[in-house]
């Protein structure tokens, strides 16, 4: 594994520009894409930028020969293997999924793809390839998950942007000061409401990055998640991760049953550091 930071996503497209809009989308998400719709140019870019490329995005419907070329001639030039490939697009037949697994592909983005899921998967691959994993528990996007924050007797609603066993990012226009202690209620998958105490580790009150996916809010660390609560959180995280894992069977989203072993994910970042750093 390379000792340097691998921050670039190399997009290897087809001549018909099947995933051509991806480059602009990744730029808006704060990622650093390289784009090519020519195979020879893709090989050259991989060789030139190899020490900085950590993920190779390809169309999801590549045939076996195209897939082998992307791994052996493109990824390999950047010092990467099959686990750096991320197929993006409509989910192909199970026979194609088997071919991906046989070649070491671990992660995928099947349509429909929201910005949070795209950033999560690509950052997981980049951090793994670059050796910059810091988290103890994976943090996953949590679209549609609602929370209520209490500071004393005053409550306010918030949206859960992402979630791990150890903490969450809660979106809101008026984040509390760092160091505040709060009580949380999170409605998790239609089950009993989770009640936790949490510490505000950091807050985002303004954004000058120009990224489309950032919102105001605060990162909180859970302080008293007992075994039962931690177990429910972990099952939710595993179910969310299952939708990004290359498996032959289509996983049921947000199941309470633990999925098959998921690939190593980017572990939870130091909670006093913003997830978009």
Protein backbone atom coordinates (compact mmCIF):
# COMPACT_ATOMS: atom_id res chain seq x y z
CA UNK A 1 0.00 0.00 0.00
CA UNK A 2 1.27 3.44 -0.85
CA UNK A 3 2.34 5.66 2.08
CA UNK A 4 1.04 8.84 0.42
CA UNK A 5 -2.46 10.16 0.37
CA UNK A 6 -4.65 8.72 -2.39
CA UNK A 7 -7.29 11.37 -2.97
CA UNK A 8 -8.21 11.12 -6.65
CA UNK A 9 -11.01 9.14 -8.29
CA UNK A 10 -10.18 8.04 -11.84
CA UNK A 11 -13.36 7.75 -13.91
CA UNK A 12 -12.90 5.30 -16.78
CA UNK A 13 -15.83 5.89 -19.11
CA UNK A 14 -16.87 4.45 -22.44
CA UNK A 15 -16.72 6.45 -25.69
CA UNK A 16 -20.47 7.08 -25.40
CA UNK A 17 -19.85 8.94 -22.11
CA UNK A 18 -22.05 6.59 -20.12
CA UNK A 19 -20.99 8.09 -16.78
CA UNK A 20 -19.67 11.40 -18.10
CA UNK A 21 -21.72 13.55 -15.68
CA UNK A 22 -19.96 11.89 -12.77
CA UNK A 23 -16.88 14.11 -12.85
CA UNK A 24 -18.80 17.32 -12.24
CA UNK A 25 -20.89 15.67 -9.56
CA UNK A 26 -17.81 14.46 -7.67
CA UNK A 27 -16.25 17.91 -7.87
CA UNK A 28 -19.37 19.38 -6.28
CA UNK A 29 -19.06 16.79 -3.50
CA UNK A 30 -15.51 17.87 -2.69
CA UNK A 31 -13.81 14.89 -4.35
CA UNK A 32 -10.99 15.11 -6.87
CA UNK A 33 -11.87 13.33 -10.13
CA UNK A 34 -9.87 12.49 -13.24
CA UNK A 35 -11.91 11.62 -16.32
CA UNK A 36 -11.25 9.69 -19.49
CA UNK A 37 -13.51 8.09 -22.09
CA UNK A 38 -10.52 6.64 -23.96
CA UNK A 39 -8.89 3.43 -22.73
CA UNK A 40 -5.36 4.39 -23.71
CA UNK A 41 -5.71 7.78 -22.07
CA UNK A 42 -7.03 6.11 -18.91
CA UNK A 43 -3.93 3.91 -18.75
CA UNK A 44 -1.72 6.97 -19.19
CA UNK A 45 -3.56 8.92 -16.46
CA UNK A 46 -3.28 5.97 -14.08
CA UNK A 47 0.47 5.81 -14.68
CA UNK A 48 0.99 9.56 -14.33
CA UNK A 49 -1.22 10.08 -11.27
CA UNK A 50 -0.77 6.62 -9.78
CA UNK A 51 0.43 7.67 -6.36
CA UNK A 52 -2.65 9.87 -5.91
CA UNK A 53 -5.36 7.68 -7.45
CA UNK A 54 -7.21 5.63 -4.84
CA UNK A 55 -10.43 4.64 -6.61
CA UNK A 56 -11.39 3.75 -10.18
CA UNK A 57 -15.03 4.39 -11.11
CA UNK A 58 -16.42 2.39 -14.04
CA UNK A 59 -19.80 1.78 -15.66
CA UNK A 60 -21.73 -0.98 -13.92
CA UNK A 61 -22.42 -2.94 -17.12
CA UNK A 62 -18.83 -3.68 -18.17
CA UNK A 63 -18.38 -7.10 -19.73
CA UNK A 64 -15.68 -9.47 -18.48
CA UNK A 65 -13.04 -8.27 -20.97
CA UNK A 66 -13.65 -4.60 -20.15
CA UNK A 67 -13.56 -5.38 -16.44
CA UNK A 68 -10.24 -7.23 -16.76
CA UNK A 69 -8.79 -4.31 -18.73
CA UNK A 70 -9.87 -1.83 -16.05
CA UNK A 71 -8.20 -3.90 -13.34
CA UNK A 72 -5.07 -5.17 -15.10
CA UNK A 73 -4.26 -2.18 -17.30
CA UNK A 74 -5.69 0.81 -15.42
CA UNK A 75 -5.91 0.06 -11.70
CA UNK A 76 -2.65 -1.90 -11.75
CA UNK A 77 -0.81 1.08 -13.30
CA UNK A 78 -1.82 3.06 -10.21
CA UNK A 79 -0.66 0.28 -7.89
CA UNK A 80 -4.24 -0.79 -7.16
CA UNK A 81 -6.20 -4.03 -7.32
CA UNK A 82 -9.79 -5.02 -7.96
CA UNK A 83 -10.97 -3.70 -4.59
CA UNK A 84 -10.29 -0.15 -5.82
CA UNK A 85 -12.88 -0.51 -8.60
CA UNK A 86 -16.34 0.96 -8.01
CA UNK A 87 -19.03 0.02 -10.58
CA UNK A 88 -21.64 2.77 -10.90
CA UNK A 89 -25.06 2.49 -12.55
CA UNK A 90 -28.00 0.12 -12.82
CA UNK A 91 -27.52 -3.13 -10.94
CA UNK A 92 -26.47 -5.82 -13.45
CA UNK A 93 -27.63 -9.47 -13.44
CA UNK A 94 -26.33 -11.79 -10.74
CA UNK A 95 -23.94 -13.44 -13.23
CA UNK A 96 -22.19 -10.07 -13.64
CA UNK A 97 -22.13 -9.61 -9.84
CA UNK A 98 -20.37 -12.96 -9.51
CA UNK A 99 -17.76 -11.80 -12.04
CA UNK A 100 -17.17 -8.65 -9.99
CA UNK A 101 -16.71 -10.63 -6.78
CA UNK A 102 -14.33 -13.07 -8.46
CA UNK A 103 -12.13 -10.11 -9.40
CA UNK A 104 -12.04 -8.69 -5.90
CA UNK A 105 -14.54 -5.84 -6.37
CA UNK A 106 -16.03 -5.06 -2.95
CA UNK A 107 -18.09 -1.88 -3.28
CA UNK A 108 -20.67 -0.66 -5.81
CA UNK A 109 -23.13 2.18 -6.33
CA UNK A 110 -26.39 0.92 -7.80
CA UNK A 111 -29.03 3.36 -9.02
CA UNK A 112 -30.69 5.41 -7.67
CA UNK A 113 -27.59 7.04 -6.14
CA UNK A 114 -27.90 9.99 -3.78
CA UNK A 115 -24.95 12.28 -3.03
CA UNK A 116 -24.44 10.99 0.52
CA UNK A 117 -24.18 7.37 -0.66
CA UNK A 118 -21.79 8.28 -3.46
CA UNK A 119 -19.48 10.20 -1.16
CA UNK A 120 -19.64 7.47 1.50
CA UNK A 121 -18.61 4.66 -0.83
CA UNK A 122 -15.88 6.55 -2.68
CA UNK A 123 -14.39 7.95 0.54
CA UNK A 124 -14.41 4.44 2.04
CA UNK A 125 -12.42 3.13 -0.94
CA UNK A 126 -10.05 6.12 -0.95
CA UNK A 127 -9.31 5.87 2.76
CA UNK A 128 -8.72 2.12 2.57
CA UNK A 129 -6.36 2.38 -0.40
CA UNK A 130 -4.51 5.34 1.12
CA UNK A 131 -4.12 3.84 4.56
CA UNK A 132 -5.91 6.77 6.22
CA UNK A 133 -8.64 4.80 8.04
CA UNK A 134 -9.10 6.27 11.53
CA UNK A 135 -12.56 5.22 12.65
CA UNK A 136 -13.37 2.38 15.02
CA UNK A 137 -16.91 1.95 13.68
CA UNK A 138 -18.26 2.63 10.18
CA UNK A 139 -20.43 5.70 9.72
CA UNK A 140 -23.16 5.42 7.08
CA UNK A 141 -25.60 7.80 5.40
CA UNK A 142 -29.00 7.85 7.12
CA UNK A 143 -31.47 9.40 4.64
CA UNK A 144 -34.89 10.06 6.07
CA UNK A 145 -33.91 9.36 9.67
CA UNK A 146 -35.37 11.85 12.15
CA UNK A 147 -34.17 12.86 15.61
CA UNK A 148 -35.24 15.16 18.41
CA UNK A 149 -32.64 17.04 20.44
CA UNK A 150 -33.28 18.13 24.02
CA UNK A 151 -31.23 20.69 25.92
CA UNK A 152 -32.92 20.82 29.29
CA UNK A 153 -36.67 20.97 28.69
CA UNK A 154 -36.35 22.57 25.25
CA UNK A 155 -36.62 20.22 22.28
CA UNK A 156 -35.98 20.71 18.58
CA UNK A 157 -36.26 18.49 15.53
CA UNK A 158 -33.25 17.51 13.43
CA UNK A 159 -32.42 15.28 10.48
CA UNK A 160 -29.79 12.57 10.93
CA UNK A 161 -27.32 12.96 8.06
CA UNK A 162 -25.06 10.06 9.00
CA UNK A 163 -24.85 7.63 11.87
CA UNK A 164 -22.50 5.17 13.55
CA UNK A 165 -22.57 3.18 16.78
CA UNK A 166 -20.52 5.96 18.37
CA UNK A 167 -22.16 9.15 17.10
CA UNK A 168 -24.03 11.06 14.41
CA UNK A 169 -24.17 14.27 12.42
CA UNK A 170 -27.43 16.13 12.99
CA UNK A 171 -28.53 18.77 10.49
CA UNK A 172 -30.00 22.01 11.80
CA UNK A 173 -29.81 25.76 11.26
CA UNK A 174 -28.75 26.55 14.85
CA UNK A 175 -26.23 24.00 16.10
CA UNK A 176 -25.42 24.05 19.80
CA UNK A 177 -21.98 25.10 21.06
CA UNK A 178 -19.20 22.54 21.20
CA UNK A 179 -19.11 20.83 24.59
CA UNK A 180 -22.89 20.96 25.08
CA UNK A 181 -24.51 17.87 26.51
CA UNK A 182 -27.88 16.89 25.07
CA UNK A 183 -30.47 14.14 25.15
CA UNK A 184 -31.49 12.55 21.85
CA UNK A 185 -34.44 10.60 20.58
CA UNK A 186 -33.89 8.81 17.27
CA UNK A 187 -36.67 6.99 15.42
CA UNK A 188 -34.78 4.00 14.08
CA UNK A 189 -36.50 1.82 11.48
CA UNK A 190 -39.97 1.93 12.94
CA UNK A 191 -38.88 0.26 16.20
CA UNK A 192 -38.91 1.71 19.69
CA UNK A 193 -37.43 5.20 19.83
CA UNK A 194 -33.75 5.20 20.84
CA UNK A 195 -32.94 7.51 23.74
CA UNK A 196 -29.33 8.51 24.26
CA UNK A 197 -27.20 11.16 25.89
CA UNK A 198 -24.63 12.81 23.65
CA UNK A 199 -21.85 15.38 23.65
CA UNK A 200 -21.58 18.01 20.89
CA UNK A 201 -18.05 17.57 19.55
CA UNK A 202 -18.11 20.08 16.67
CA UNK A 203 -20.50 22.28 14.74
CA UNK A 204 -20.76 23.61 11.19
CA UNK A 205 -22.26 27.09 11.18
CA UNK A 206 -21.03 28.28 7.79
CA UNK A 207 -19.58 26.78 4.64
CA UNK A 208 -17.19 28.35 2.19
CA UNK A 209 -16.28 25.14 0.36
CA UNK A 210 -18.90 25.36 -2.38
CA UNK A 211 -19.87 21.72 -1.84
CA UNK A 212 -23.47 20.83 -2.63
CA UNK A 213 -23.82 18.16 0.06
CA UNK A 214 -22.88 20.17 3.15
CA UNK A 215 -25.46 21.49 5.59
CA UNK A 216 -25.40 23.31 8.90
CA UNK A 217 -25.48 21.10 11.96
CA UNK A 218 -23.37 19.39 14.59
CA UNK A 219 -21.43 16.20 15.19
CA UNK A 220 -22.33 14.42 18.41
CA UNK A 221 -20.72 11.57 20.32
CA UNK A 222 -23.01 9.11 22.09
CA UNK A 223 -22.11 8.79 25.78
CA UNK A 224 -24.30 6.03 27.18
CA UNK A 225 -25.20 3.58 24.42
CA UNK A 226 -25.70 0.35 26.34
CA UNK A 227 -25.50 -3.11 24.74
CA UNK A 228 -29.12 -3.14 23.52
CA UNK A 229 -28.96 0.36 22.01
CA UNK A 230 -25.51 -0.27 20.52
CA UNK A 231 -26.80 -3.51 19.02
CA UNK A 232 -29.69 -1.74 17.30
CA UNK A 233 -27.38 0.96 16.00
CA UNK A 234 -24.91 -1.63 14.71
CA UNK A 235 -27.65 -3.60 12.91
CA UNK A 236 -28.86 -0.40 11.25
CA UNK A 237 -25.31 0.46 10.12
CA UNK A 238 -24.74 -3.06 8.78
CA UNK A 239 -28.03 -3.02 6.88
CA UNK A 240 -27.18 0.32 5.31
CA UNK A 241 -23.72 -0.92 4.32
CA UNK A 242 -25.22 -4.03 2.73
CA UNK A 243 -26.76 -1.92 -0.03
CA UNK A 244 -23.24 -0.91 -1.15
CA UNK A 245 -21.61 -4.34 -0.93
CA UNK A 246 -21.11 -6.41 -4.08
CA UNK A 247 -23.22 -9.48 -3.35
CA UNK A 248 -25.08 -11.83 -5.67
CA UNK A 249 -28.34 -11.49 -3.71
CA UNK A 250 -30.02 -8.10 -3.54
CA UNK A 251 -30.00 -7.11 0.18
CA UNK A 252 -33.15 -5.85 1.81
CA UNK A 253 -32.57 -2.23 2.79
CA UNK A 254 -32.57 -1.47 6.52
CA UNK A 255 -33.29 -4.98 7.75
CA UNK A 256 -33.02 -5.73 11.47
CA UNK A 257 -31.26 -8.98 10.61
CA UNK A 258 -27.46 -8.67 10.34
CA UNK A 259 -26.28 -9.00 6.71
CA UNK A 260 -23.41 -11.09 5.51
CA UNK A 261 -20.00 -9.78 6.44
CA UNK A 262 -19.50 -6.38 4.87
CA UNK A 263 -16.20 -5.17 3.52
CA UNK A 264 -13.89 -3.16 5.70
CA UNK A 265 -15.26 0.35 5.85
CA UNK A 266 -13.75 3.67 6.66
CA UNK A 267 -13.85 3.50 10.47
CA UNK A 268 -15.30 6.38 12.56
CA UNK A 269 -13.19 9.55 12.29
CA UNK A 270 -12.07 11.38 15.36
CA UNK A 271 -15.37 12.84 16.45
CA UNK A 272 -13.93 16.31 16.91
CA UNK A 273 -13.03 16.39 13.21
CA UNK A 274 -15.71 17.21 10.59
CA UNK A 275 -16.55 14.24 8.30
CA UNK A 276 -15.99 16.43 5.25
CA UNK A 277 -12.43 17.39 6.12
